[in-house]
């Protein structure tokens, strides 16, 4: 059995990162990655099952960062659930938004890959699952005290608007200061939407 040459790993990763960043997952070419790295496509397949496995390997670090960074916000949401107060919920959202902004700009290129370049990959499926989870937990928060039926589709759209805003900021290539200012304005509009929705389902 052939021994894997680990000295090629960094070249492959660098070439793959550049190719995916330039073309996105769907249009990226394994043959081109191999050429840029100076290896055969066989060398890629000894390390990665397919293009999706290679792409996702580049995001393992940011997956961990997002999961670990979001943990403090979980406690804030738990407190909001206990109180049932919309202001506590909005405070938790604002707290989480600050965390995401820090992650976006401390791990900028990885976030661009994840949010903007992952269409067609299982990483995009993970992103969609993350958004769905956020929407589901938000519905649960509202339903605990609501006196009227919760419009689940409205909740989903509001939550997607949050994540879509992050993607747009990354696509635009804004610096952190400008992006934070834009996000503050967006959050004000989204917050108004949450409050209106909350008021409708809690009015008698």
C-alpha atoms as a PDB file:
ATOM      1  CA  UNK A   1       0.000   0.000   0.000  1.00  0.00           C
ATOM      2  CA  UNK A   2       1.418   3.409  -0.988  1.00  0.00           C
ATOM      3  CA  UNK A   3       2.545   5.723   1.803  1.00  0.00           C
ATOM      4  CA  UNK A   4       0.775   9.101   1.761  1.00  0.00           C
ATOM      5  CA  UNK A   5       3.171  12.019   1.280  1.00  0.00           C
ATOM      6  CA  UNK A   6       2.051  14.455   3.993  1.00  0.00           C
ATOM      7  CA  UNK A   7       4.401  17.131   2.664  1.00  0.00           C
ATOM      8  CA  UNK A   8       1.803  17.718  -0.068  1.00  0.00           C
ATOM      9  CA  UNK A   9      -1.073  18.405   2.338  1.00  0.00           C
ATOM     10  CA  UNK A  10      -0.431  22.133   2.732  1.00  0.00           C
ATOM     11  CA  UNK A  11      -0.095  22.615  -1.032  1.00  0.00           C
ATOM     12  CA  UNK A  12      -3.401  20.838  -1.625  1.00  0.00           C
ATOM     13  CA  UNK A  13      -5.193  22.840   1.056  1.00  0.00           C
ATOM     14  CA  UNK A  14      -3.847  26.135  -0.265  1.00  0.00           C
ATOM     15  CA  UNK A  15      -4.790  25.269  -3.844  1.00  0.00           C
ATOM     16  CA  UNK A  16      -8.252  24.078  -2.825  1.00  0.00           C
ATOM     17  CA  UNK A  17      -8.916  27.175  -0.746  1.00  0.00           C
ATOM     18  CA  UNK A  18      -8.006  29.438  -3.638  1.00  0.00           C
ATOM     19  CA  UNK A  19     -10.067  27.501  -6.176  1.00  0.00           C
ATOM     20  CA  UNK A  20     -13.173  27.359  -3.979  1.00  0.00           C
ATOM     21  CA  UNK A  21     -12.869  31.026  -3.032  1.00  0.00           C
ATOM     22  CA  UNK A  22     -12.634  32.068  -6.685  1.00  0.00           C
ATOM     23  CA  UNK A  23     -15.260  29.774  -8.217  1.00  0.00           C
ATOM     24  CA  UNK A  24     -17.420  28.471  -5.390  1.00  0.00           C
ATOM     25  CA  UNK A  25     -18.076  24.805  -4.644  1.00  0.00           C
ATOM     26  CA  UNK A  26     -20.139  23.953  -7.718  1.00  0.00           C
ATOM     27  CA  UNK A  27     -17.815  25.462 -10.330  1.00  0.00           C
ATOM     28  CA  UNK A  28     -14.532  24.511  -8.662  1.00  0.00           C
ATOM     29  CA  UNK A  29     -12.462  21.829 -10.398  1.00  0.00           C
ATOM     30  CA  UNK A  30     -10.569  19.041  -8.666  1.00  0.00           C
ATOM     31  CA  UNK A  31      -8.345  18.741 -11.722  1.00  0.00           C
ATOM     32  CA  UNK A  32      -7.412  22.408 -11.438  1.00  0.00           C
ATOM     33  CA  UNK A  33      -6.765  22.058  -7.713  1.00  0.00           C
ATOM     34  CA  UNK A  34      -4.457  19.155  -8.430  1.00  0.00           C
ATOM     35  CA  UNK A  35      -2.630  21.110 -11.143  1.00  0.00           C
ATOM     36  CA  UNK A  36      -2.138  24.145  -8.905  1.00  0.00           C
ATOM     37  CA  UNK A  37      -0.916  21.969  -6.053  1.00  0.00           C
ATOM     38  CA  UNK A  38       1.415  20.085  -8.388  1.00  0.00           C
ATOM     39  CA  UNK A  39      -0.122  16.699  -7.614  1.00  0.00           C
ATOM     40  CA  UNK A  40      -2.211  14.112  -9.418  1.00  0.00           C
ATOM     41  CA  UNK A  41      -5.959  13.826  -8.925  1.00  0.00           C
ATOM     42  CA  UNK A  42      -5.157  10.416  -7.465  1.00  0.00           C
ATOM     43  CA  UNK A  43      -3.277  12.185  -4.668  1.00  0.00           C
ATOM     44  CA  UNK A  44      -6.458  14.115  -3.896  1.00  0.00           C
ATOM     45  CA  UNK A  45      -8.574  10.991  -3.783  1.00  0.00           C
ATOM     46  CA  UNK A  46      -6.177   9.265  -1.377  1.00  0.00           C
ATOM     47  CA  UNK A  47      -6.963  12.089   1.056  1.00  0.00           C
ATOM     48  CA  UNK A  48     -10.562  13.024   0.269  1.00  0.00           C
ATOM     49  CA  UNK A  49     -13.468  10.876  -0.874  1.00  0.00           C
ATOM     50  CA  UNK A  50     -14.749  13.559  -3.256  1.00  0.00           C
ATOM     51  CA  UNK A  51     -14.939  17.305  -3.851  1.00  0.00           C
ATOM     52  CA  UNK A  52     -17.475  17.738  -1.082  1.00  0.00           C
ATOM     53  CA  UNK A  53     -15.189  16.069   1.463  1.00  0.00           C
ATOM     54  CA  UNK A  54     -12.314  18.339   0.427  1.00  0.00           C
ATOM     55  CA  UNK A  55     -14.481  21.456   0.662  1.00  0.00           C
ATOM     56  CA  UNK A  56     -15.882  20.533   4.064  1.00  0.00           C
ATOM     57  CA  UNK A  57     -12.410  19.760   5.395  1.00  0.00           C
ATOM     58  CA  UNK A  58     -11.544  23.425   4.860  1.00  0.00           C
ATOM     59  CA  UNK A  59     -14.461  24.418   7.093  1.00  0.00           C
ATOM     60  CA  UNK A  60     -13.854  22.110  10.042  1.00  0.00           C
ATOM     61  CA  UNK A  61     -12.203  24.920  11.987  1.00  0.00           C
ATOM     62  CA  UNK A  62     -14.993  27.447  11.447  1.00  0.00           C
ATOM     63  CA  UNK A  63     -17.633  24.859  12.331  1.00  0.00           C
ATOM     64  CA  UNK A  64     -15.940  24.453  15.695  1.00  0.00           C
ATOM     65  CA  UNK A  65     -15.572  28.209  16.190  1.00  0.00           C
ATOM     66  CA  UNK A  66     -19.251  28.877  15.414  1.00  0.00           C
ATOM     67  CA  UNK A  67     -20.421  26.088  17.720  1.00  0.00           C
ATOM     68  CA  UNK A  68     -18.203  27.148  20.622  1.00  0.00           C
ATOM     69  CA  UNK A  69     -18.872  30.876  20.144  1.00  0.00           C
ATOM     70  CA  UNK A  70     -22.630  30.384  20.122  1.00  0.00           C
ATOM     71  CA  UNK A  71     -22.653  28.555  23.451  1.00  0.00           C
ATOM     72  CA  UNK A  72     -22.782  31.727  25.631  1.00  0.00           C
ATOM     73  CA  UNK A  73     -25.763  32.977  23.604  1.00  0.00           C
ATOM     74  CA  UNK A  74     -27.592  29.729  24.359  1.00  0.00           C
ATOM     75  CA  UNK A  75     -27.713  30.690  28.020  1.00  0.00           C
ATOM     76  CA  UNK A  76     -29.145  34.097  27.107  1.00  0.00           C
ATOM     77  CA  UNK A  77     -31.900  32.441  25.090  1.00  0.00           C
ATOM     78  CA  UNK A  78     -32.593  30.050  27.960  1.00  0.00           C
ATOM     79  CA  UNK A  79     -33.170  32.998  30.279  1.00  0.00           C
ATOM     80  CA  UNK A  80     -35.467  34.584  27.690  1.00  0.00           C
ATOM     81  CA  UNK A  81     -37.497  31.381  27.497  1.00  0.00           C
ATOM     82  CA  UNK A  82     -37.882  31.347  31.270  1.00  0.00           C
ATOM     83  CA  UNK A  83     -39.089  34.946  31.398  1.00  0.00           C
ATOM     84  CA  UNK A  84     -41.173  34.863  28.211  1.00  0.00           C
ATOM     85  CA  UNK A  85     -40.256  38.521  27.749  1.00  0.00           C
ATOM     86  CA  UNK A  86     -39.745  39.693  24.159  1.00  0.00           C
ATOM     87  CA  UNK A  87     -37.147  42.206  25.354  1.00  0.00           C
ATOM     88  CA  UNK A  88     -35.072  39.392  26.844  1.00  0.00           C
ATOM     89  CA  UNK A  89     -35.368  37.508  23.565  1.00  0.00           C
ATOM     90  CA  UNK A  90     -34.250  40.561  21.564  1.00  0.00           C
ATOM     91  CA  UNK A  91     -31.359  41.131  23.978  1.00  0.00           C
ATOM     92  CA  UNK A  92     -30.252  37.535  23.394  1.00  0.00           C
ATOM     93  CA  UNK A  93     -30.464  38.070  19.625  1.00  0.00           C
ATOM     94  CA  UNK A  94     -28.380  41.232  19.873  1.00  0.00           C
ATOM     95  CA  UNK A  95     -25.824  39.426  22.024  1.00  0.00           C
ATOM     96  CA  UNK A  96     -25.624  36.595  19.503  1.00  0.00           C
ATOM     97  CA  UNK A  97     -25.342  39.064  16.591  1.00  0.00           C
ATOM     98  CA  UNK A  98     -22.260  40.640  18.230  1.00  0.00           C
ATOM     99  CA  UNK A  99     -20.729  37.191  18.574  1.00  0.00           C
ATOM    100  CA  UNK A 100     -21.353  36.418  14.903  1.00  0.00           C
ATOM    101  CA  UNK A 101     -19.871  39.738  13.822  1.00  0.00           C
ATOM    102  CA  UNK A 102     -16.681  38.944  15.748  1.00  0.00           C
ATOM    103  CA  UNK A 103     -16.529  35.468  14.201  1.00  0.00           C
ATOM    104  CA  UNK A 104     -17.122  36.832  10.689  1.00  0.00           C
ATOM    105  CA  UNK A 105     -14.186  39.186  10.822  1.00  0.00           C
ATOM    106  CA  UNK A 106     -11.794  37.077  12.868  1.00  0.00           C
ATOM    107  CA  UNK A 107     -12.305  34.177  10.434  1.00  0.00           C
ATOM    108  CA  UNK A 108     -13.249  36.153   7.350  1.00  0.00           C
ATOM    109  CA  UNK A 109     -12.162  33.826   4.527  1.00  0.00           C
ATOM    110  CA  UNK A 110     -13.587  30.710   6.141  1.00  0.00           C
ATOM    111  CA  UNK A 111     -16.901  32.522   6.651  1.00  0.00           C
ATOM    112  CA  UNK A 112     -16.920  33.614   2.996  1.00  0.00           C
ATOM    113  CA  UNK A 113     -16.518  29.958   2.013  1.00  0.00           C
ATOM    114  CA  UNK A 114     -19.270  28.857   4.370  1.00  0.00           C
ATOM    115  CA  UNK A 115     -21.865  31.570   3.740  1.00  0.00           C
ATOM    116  CA  UNK A 116     -21.136  32.576   0.133  1.00  0.00           C
ATOM    117  CA  UNK A 117     -19.369  29.736  -1.683  1.00  0.00           C
ATOM    118  CA  UNK A 118     -20.992  26.574  -0.339  1.00  0.00           C
ATOM    119  CA  UNK A 119     -24.031  26.213  -2.632  1.00  0.00           C
ATOM    120  CA  UNK A 120     -24.358  22.584  -3.692  1.00  0.00           C
ATOM    121  CA  UNK A 121     -22.211  21.210  -0.875  1.00  0.00           C
ATOM    122  CA  UNK A 122     -23.135  19.419   2.324  1.00  0.00           C
ATOM    123  CA  UNK A 123     -21.770  22.483   4.134  1.00  0.00           C
ATOM    124  CA  UNK A 124     -24.695  24.466   2.685  1.00  0.00           C
ATOM    125  CA  UNK A 125     -26.997  21.788   4.021  1.00  0.00           C
ATOM    126  CA  UNK A 126     -25.408  22.339   7.444  1.00  0.00           C
ATOM    127  CA  UNK A 127     -25.989  26.084   7.127  1.00  0.00           C
ATOM    128  CA  UNK A 128     -29.637  25.505   6.200  1.00  0.00           C
ATOM    129  CA  UNK A 129     -29.986  23.112   9.140  1.00  0.00           C
ATOM    130  CA  UNK A 130     -28.523  25.757  11.459  1.00  0.00           C
ATOM    131  CA  UNK A 131     -31.047  28.335  10.215  1.00  0.00           C
ATOM    132  CA  UNK A 132     -33.904  25.830  10.577  1.00  0.00           C
ATOM    133  CA  UNK A 133     -32.829  25.038  14.131  1.00  0.00           C
ATOM    134  CA  UNK A 134     -32.811  28.739  15.000  1.00  0.00           C
ATOM    135  CA  UNK A 135     -36.278  29.156  13.470  1.00  0.00           C
ATOM    136  CA  UNK A 136     -37.637  26.111  15.317  1.00  0.00           C
ATOM    137  CA  UNK A 137     -36.313  27.232  18.710  1.00  0.00           C
ATOM    138  CA  UNK A 138     -37.720  30.728  18.102  1.00  0.00           C
ATOM    139  CA  UNK A 139     -41.141  29.267  17.307  1.00  0.00           C
ATOM    140  CA  UNK A 140     -40.943  27.295  20.553  1.00  0.00           C
ATOM    141  CA  UNK A 141     -40.151  30.490  22.454  1.00  0.00           C
ATOM    142  CA  UNK A 142     -43.212  32.261  21.056  1.00  0.00           C
ATOM    143  CA  UNK A 143     -45.547  29.291  21.441  1.00  0.00           C
ATOM    144  CA  UNK A 144     -44.878  28.928  25.161  1.00  0.00           C
ATOM    145  CA  UNK A 145     -46.842  32.046  26.005  1.00  0.00           C
ATOM    146  CA  UNK A 146     -48.767  32.864  22.804  1.00  0.00           C
ATOM    147  CA  UNK A 147     -52.532  33.158  22.910  1.00  0.00           C
ATOM    148  CA  UNK A 148     -52.799  33.110  19.120  1.00  0.00           C
ATOM    149  CA  UNK A 149     -51.319  30.655  16.562  1.00  0.00           C
ATOM    150  CA  UNK A 150     -47.698  31.365  15.618  1.00  0.00           C
ATOM    151  CA  UNK A 151     -47.017  32.058  11.937  1.00  0.00           C
ATOM    152  CA  UNK A 152     -44.127  29.642  11.504  1.00  0.00           C
ATOM    153  CA  UNK A 153     -43.385  30.842   7.967  1.00  0.00           C
ATOM    154  CA  UNK A 154     -43.033  34.431   9.177  1.00  0.00           C
ATOM    155  CA  UNK A 155     -40.598  33.287  11.859  1.00  0.00           C
ATOM    156  CA  UNK A 156     -38.578  31.365   9.295  1.00  0.00           C
ATOM    157  CA  UNK A 157     -38.408  34.360   6.947  1.00  0.00           C
ATOM    158  CA  UNK A 158     -37.334  36.728   9.722  1.00  0.00           C
ATOM    159  CA  UNK A 159     -34.598  34.310  10.825  1.00  0.00           C
ATOM    160  CA  UNK A 160     -33.428  33.809   7.238  1.00  0.00           C
ATOM    161  CA  UNK A 161     -33.236  37.590   6.852  1.00  0.00           C
ATOM    162  CA  UNK A 162     -30.674  37.664   9.653  1.00  0.00           C
ATOM    163  CA  UNK A 163     -28.433  35.097   7.993  1.00  0.00           C
ATOM    164  CA  UNK A 164     -28.947  36.570   4.527  1.00  0.00           C
ATOM    165  CA  UNK A 165     -27.696  39.899   5.867  1.00  0.00           C
ATOM    166  CA  UNK A 166     -24.460  38.244   7.000  1.00  0.00           C
ATOM    167  CA  UNK A 167     -23.996  36.762   3.538  1.00  0.00           C
ATOM    168  CA  UNK A 168     -24.573  40.119   1.868  1.00  0.00           C
ATOM    169  CA  UNK A 169     -22.017  41.787   4.135  1.00  0.00           C
ATOM    170  CA  UNK A 170     -19.433  39.173   3.206  1.00  0.00           C
ATOM    171  CA  UNK A 171     -20.277  39.424  -0.507  1.00  0.00           C
ATOM    172  CA  UNK A 172     -19.867  43.202  -0.349  1.00  0.00           C
ATOM    173  CA  UNK A 173     -16.425  42.893   1.224  1.00  0.00           C
ATOM    174  CA  UNK A 174     -17.121  45.530   3.896  1.00  0.00           C
ATOM    175  CA  UNK A 175     -14.692  46.150   6.716  1.00  0.00           C
ATOM    176  CA  UNK A 176     -15.848  45.373  10.243  1.00  0.00           C
ATOM    177  CA  UNK A 177     -16.755  48.968  11.168  1.00  0.00           C
ATOM    178  CA  UNK A 178     -18.916  49.545   8.085  1.00  0.00           C
ATOM    179  CA  UNK A 179     -20.421  46.082   8.308  1.00  0.00           C
ATOM    180  CA  UNK A 180     -21.309  46.616  11.970  1.00  0.00           C
ATOM    181  CA  UNK A 181     -23.024  49.910  11.130  1.00  0.00           C
ATOM    182  CA  UNK A 182     -25.020  48.263   8.326  1.00  0.00           C
ATOM    183  CA  UNK A 183     -25.934  45.332  10.536  1.00  0.00           C
ATOM    184  CA  UNK A 184     -27.155  47.652  13.285  1.00  0.00           C
ATOM    185  CA  UNK A 185     -29.609  49.257  10.850  1.00  0.00           C
ATOM    186  CA  UNK A 186     -30.756  45.867   9.567  1.00  0.00           C
ATOM    187  CA  UNK A 187     -31.195  44.593  13.120  1.00  0.00           C
ATOM    188  CA  UNK A 188     -33.383  47.578  13.976  1.00  0.00           C
ATOM    189  CA  UNK A 189     -35.760  46.666  11.152  1.00  0.00           C
ATOM    190  CA  UNK A 190     -35.700  42.976  12.058  1.00  0.00           C
ATOM    191  CA  UNK A 191     -36.262  43.788  15.731  1.00  0.00           C
ATOM    192  CA  UNK A 192     -39.360  45.797  14.791  1.00  0.00           C
ATOM    193  CA  UNK A 193     -40.599  42.752  12.873  1.00  0.00           C
ATOM    194  CA  UNK A 194     -40.103  40.464  15.857  1.00  0.00           C
ATOM    195  CA  UNK A 195     -41.929  42.890  18.143  1.00  0.00           C
ATOM    196  CA  UNK A 196     -44.877  43.192  15.774  1.00  0.00           C
ATOM    197  CA  UNK A 197     -45.106  39.416  15.429  1.00  0.00           C
ATOM    198  CA  UNK A 198     -44.852  38.976  19.189  1.00  0.00           C
ATOM    199  CA  UNK A 199     -47.586  41.551  19.771  1.00  0.00           C
ATOM    200  CA  UNK A 200     -49.978  39.867  17.340  1.00  0.00           C
ATOM    201  CA  UNK A 201     -49.691  36.409  18.868  1.00  0.00           C
ATOM    202  CA  UNK A 202     -49.939  37.671  22.454  1.00  0.00           C
ATOM    203  CA  UNK A 203     -52.880  40.034  22.013  1.00  0.00           C
ATOM    204  CA  UNK A 204     -56.247  38.861  23.213  1.00  0.00           C
END
